[in-house]
Amino acid sequence: MSEPKKSFNIWPYAVFGGYGLFACVMIGTAIVLSQERVDLVTPDYYAHQIKYEAHLDATRAAARPGHAFLVGEIKDGVVPLVRPPAATDPVSGTATLYRPSDKDKDVSRPIELTAGVMKLDVAGLQPGVWRLKLEWESAKTAHYQEVDLYLP
């Protein structure tokens, strides 16, 4: 009796070829990515870190009870910024209206209090979202506060 003819089975070759192709792609990817320069740190990392820490300290100082400005309701193109009555030390700093959608529209004004209130004029500014950034110094302590505003 004659022996049956064996048919050609492609599966072992396909599995081996697929695994070989996968290994080549992974090795190629590893080579390309290992040559990519990735800088996770700024050149002046420590100076930047100290500046960032000072910003965090100013934010914490403003967040303490009785230190943050109270932002009133917008009426007739004016936003009242009220300093808490307990805070009696002189204030010097800036109020910046930051426009997230267009940096060229940013407006910065000095903080000038009259009887503990600053009337921030927002008339003429485009309607939409603005971020009010208050930076001030009081009793030799830096303060920083951000408030989101929507101008109608």
Protein backbone atom coordinates (compact mmCIF):
# COMPACT_ATOMS: atom_id res chain seq x y z
CA MET A 1 0.00 0.00 0.00
CA SER A 2 1.21 3.43 -0.74
CA GLU A 3 1.77 6.04 1.86
CA PRO A 4 -0.67 9.00 1.88
CA LYS A 5 0.73 12.20 0.53
CA LYS A 6 1.32 14.82 3.27
CA SER A 7 -0.28 18.19 2.64
CA PHE A 8 1.63 21.38 3.20
CA ASN A 9 0.60 23.09 6.47
CA ILE A 10 1.22 26.84 6.49
CA TRP A 11 0.31 27.50 10.18
CA PRO A 12 3.70 26.76 11.74
CA TYR A 13 5.36 29.12 9.26
CA ALA A 14 2.71 31.82 9.79
CA VAL A 15 3.08 31.68 13.58
CA PHE A 16 6.87 31.77 13.34
CA GLY A 17 6.73 34.63 10.80
CA GLY A 18 4.21 36.60 12.89
CA TYR A 19 6.33 36.20 15.99
CA GLY A 20 9.46 37.19 14.05
CA LEU A 21 7.73 40.27 12.62
CA PHE A 22 6.50 41.26 16.10
CA ALA A 23 10.02 40.85 17.55
CA CYS A 24 11.52 42.98 14.74
CA VAL A 25 8.94 45.75 15.27
CA MET A 26 9.56 45.76 19.04
CA ILE A 27 13.35 45.86 18.62
CA GLY A 28 13.07 48.63 16.01
CA THR A 29 10.78 50.63 18.29
CA ALA A 30 13.17 50.21 21.21
CA ILE A 31 16.09 51.42 19.07
CA VAL A 32 14.22 54.47 17.75
CA LEU A 33 12.88 55.45 21.18
CA SER A 34 16.23 54.97 22.91
CA GLN A 35 17.73 57.57 20.55
CA GLU A 36 14.94 60.09 21.27
CA ARG A 37 16.02 62.90 23.59
CA VAL A 38 13.61 63.36 26.48
CA ASP A 39 14.33 66.19 28.90
CA LEU A 40 12.03 66.05 31.89
CA VAL A 41 13.89 68.74 33.80
CA THR A 42 14.54 72.38 33.01
CA PRO A 43 18.18 73.50 32.88
CA ASP A 44 17.69 75.73 35.93
CA TYR A 45 15.60 73.20 37.82
CA TYR A 46 16.45 74.36 41.34
CA ALA A 47 15.81 78.06 40.67
CA HIS A 48 12.53 77.12 38.97
CA GLN A 49 11.58 74.91 41.94
CA ILE A 50 12.27 77.73 44.43
CA LYS A 51 10.13 80.13 42.37
CA TYR A 52 7.33 77.54 42.19
CA GLU A 53 7.55 76.95 45.96
CA ALA A 54 7.25 80.72 46.54
CA HIS A 55 4.14 80.73 44.30
CA LEU A 56 2.64 77.88 46.35
CA ASP A 57 3.41 79.72 49.59
CA ALA A 58 1.67 82.85 48.23
CA THR A 59 -1.37 80.77 47.22
CA ARG A 60 -1.51 79.19 50.69
CA ALA A 61 -1.19 82.60 52.33
CA ALA A 62 -4.16 83.93 50.37
CA ALA A 63 -6.21 80.81 51.14
CA ARG A 64 -5.99 81.36 54.90
CA PRO A 65 -9.26 82.60 56.41
CA GLY A 66 -9.56 86.38 56.38
CA HIS A 67 -6.85 86.98 53.77
CA ALA A 68 -8.46 86.40 50.37
CA PHE A 69 -10.26 89.12 48.44
CA LEU A 70 -13.99 88.67 48.06
CA VAL A 71 -15.10 89.13 44.48
CA GLY A 72 -18.51 90.74 44.13
CA GLU A 73 -21.12 90.56 41.40
CA ILE A 74 -20.40 92.33 38.11
CA LYS A 75 -22.61 95.43 37.81
CA ASP A 76 -22.36 98.20 35.21
CA GLY A 77 -18.98 96.95 33.97
CA VAL A 78 -17.38 96.98 37.43
CA VAL A 79 -16.20 94.05 39.56
CA PRO A 80 -15.88 94.98 43.25
CA LEU A 81 -12.92 93.39 45.04
CA VAL A 82 -13.49 93.55 48.78
CA ARG A 83 -10.72 93.02 51.29
CA PRO A 84 -11.87 91.30 54.49
CA PRO A 85 -12.32 93.78 57.36
CA ALA A 86 -9.90 91.84 59.58
CA ALA A 87 -7.05 92.50 57.13
CA THR A 88 -5.86 95.99 57.98
CA ASP A 89 -2.27 96.00 56.67
CA PRO A 90 -1.49 98.09 53.58
CA VAL A 91 -1.65 96.25 50.26
CA SER A 92 0.44 96.65 47.12
CA GLY A 93 0.13 94.45 44.06
CA THR A 94 -1.57 93.86 40.73
CA ALA A 95 -4.88 92.58 39.46
CA THR A 96 -4.52 90.83 36.10
CA LEU A 97 -7.45 89.85 33.92
CA TYR A 98 -6.18 86.87 31.93
CA ARG A 99 -8.01 85.79 28.80
CA PRO A 100 -7.37 82.03 28.29
CA SER A 101 -8.40 82.15 24.63
CA ASP A 102 -6.20 85.13 23.65
CA LYS A 103 -3.09 86.18 25.57
CA ASP A 104 -2.97 89.52 23.73
CA LYS A 105 -6.17 90.59 25.50
CA ASP A 106 -4.71 90.36 29.04
CA VAL A 107 -5.13 93.48 31.18
CA SER A 108 -3.12 94.29 34.31
CA ARG A 109 -3.92 97.03 36.83
CA PRO A 110 -2.45 98.00 40.19
CA ILE A 111 -4.50 97.17 43.27
CA GLU A 112 -5.80 100.45 44.66
CA LEU A 113 -8.13 100.15 47.64
CA THR A 114 -10.57 102.79 48.80
CA ALA A 115 -12.11 101.88 52.16
CA GLY A 116 -11.08 98.27 51.62
CA VAL A 117 -12.71 98.02 48.18
CA MET A 118 -11.25 98.11 44.67
CA LYS A 119 -13.61 98.69 41.79
CA LEU A 120 -12.11 96.81 38.85
CA ASP A 121 -13.38 98.24 35.56
CA VAL A 122 -14.19 95.48 33.07
CA ALA A 123 -16.26 97.61 30.68
CA GLY A 124 -15.06 97.25 27.12
CA LEU A 125 -13.64 93.76 27.65
CA GLN A 126 -14.93 90.98 25.42
CA PRO A 127 -17.66 88.82 26.91
CA GLY A 128 -16.72 85.32 27.95
CA VAL A 129 -14.39 83.58 30.36
CA TRP A 130 -11.65 85.57 32.10
CA ARG A 131 -9.37 84.61 34.95
CA LEU A 132 -8.70 87.25 37.57
CA LYS A 133 -5.20 86.81 39.02
CA LEU A 134 -4.55 88.82 42.15
CA GLU A 135 -0.96 89.16 43.34
CA TRP A 136 -0.34 91.33 46.38
CA GLU A 137 1.93 91.81 49.32
CA SER A 138 0.67 92.59 52.78
CA ALA A 139 2.68 92.59 56.03
CA LYS A 140 5.78 91.47 54.07
CA THR A 141 3.94 88.31 52.96
CA ALA A 142 3.21 87.53 49.31
CA HIS A 143 -0.33 86.46 48.41
CA TYR A 144 -1.78 85.01 45.20
CA GLN A 145 -5.40 84.31 44.33
CA GLU A 146 -7.17 83.24 41.14
CA VAL A 147 -10.87 83.64 40.43
CA ASP A 148 -12.67 82.68 37.23
CA LEU A 149 -15.04 85.34 35.90
CA TYR A 150 -17.65 85.20 33.17
CA LEU A 151 -18.30 88.57 31.58
CA PRO A 152 -21.75 88.79 29.96
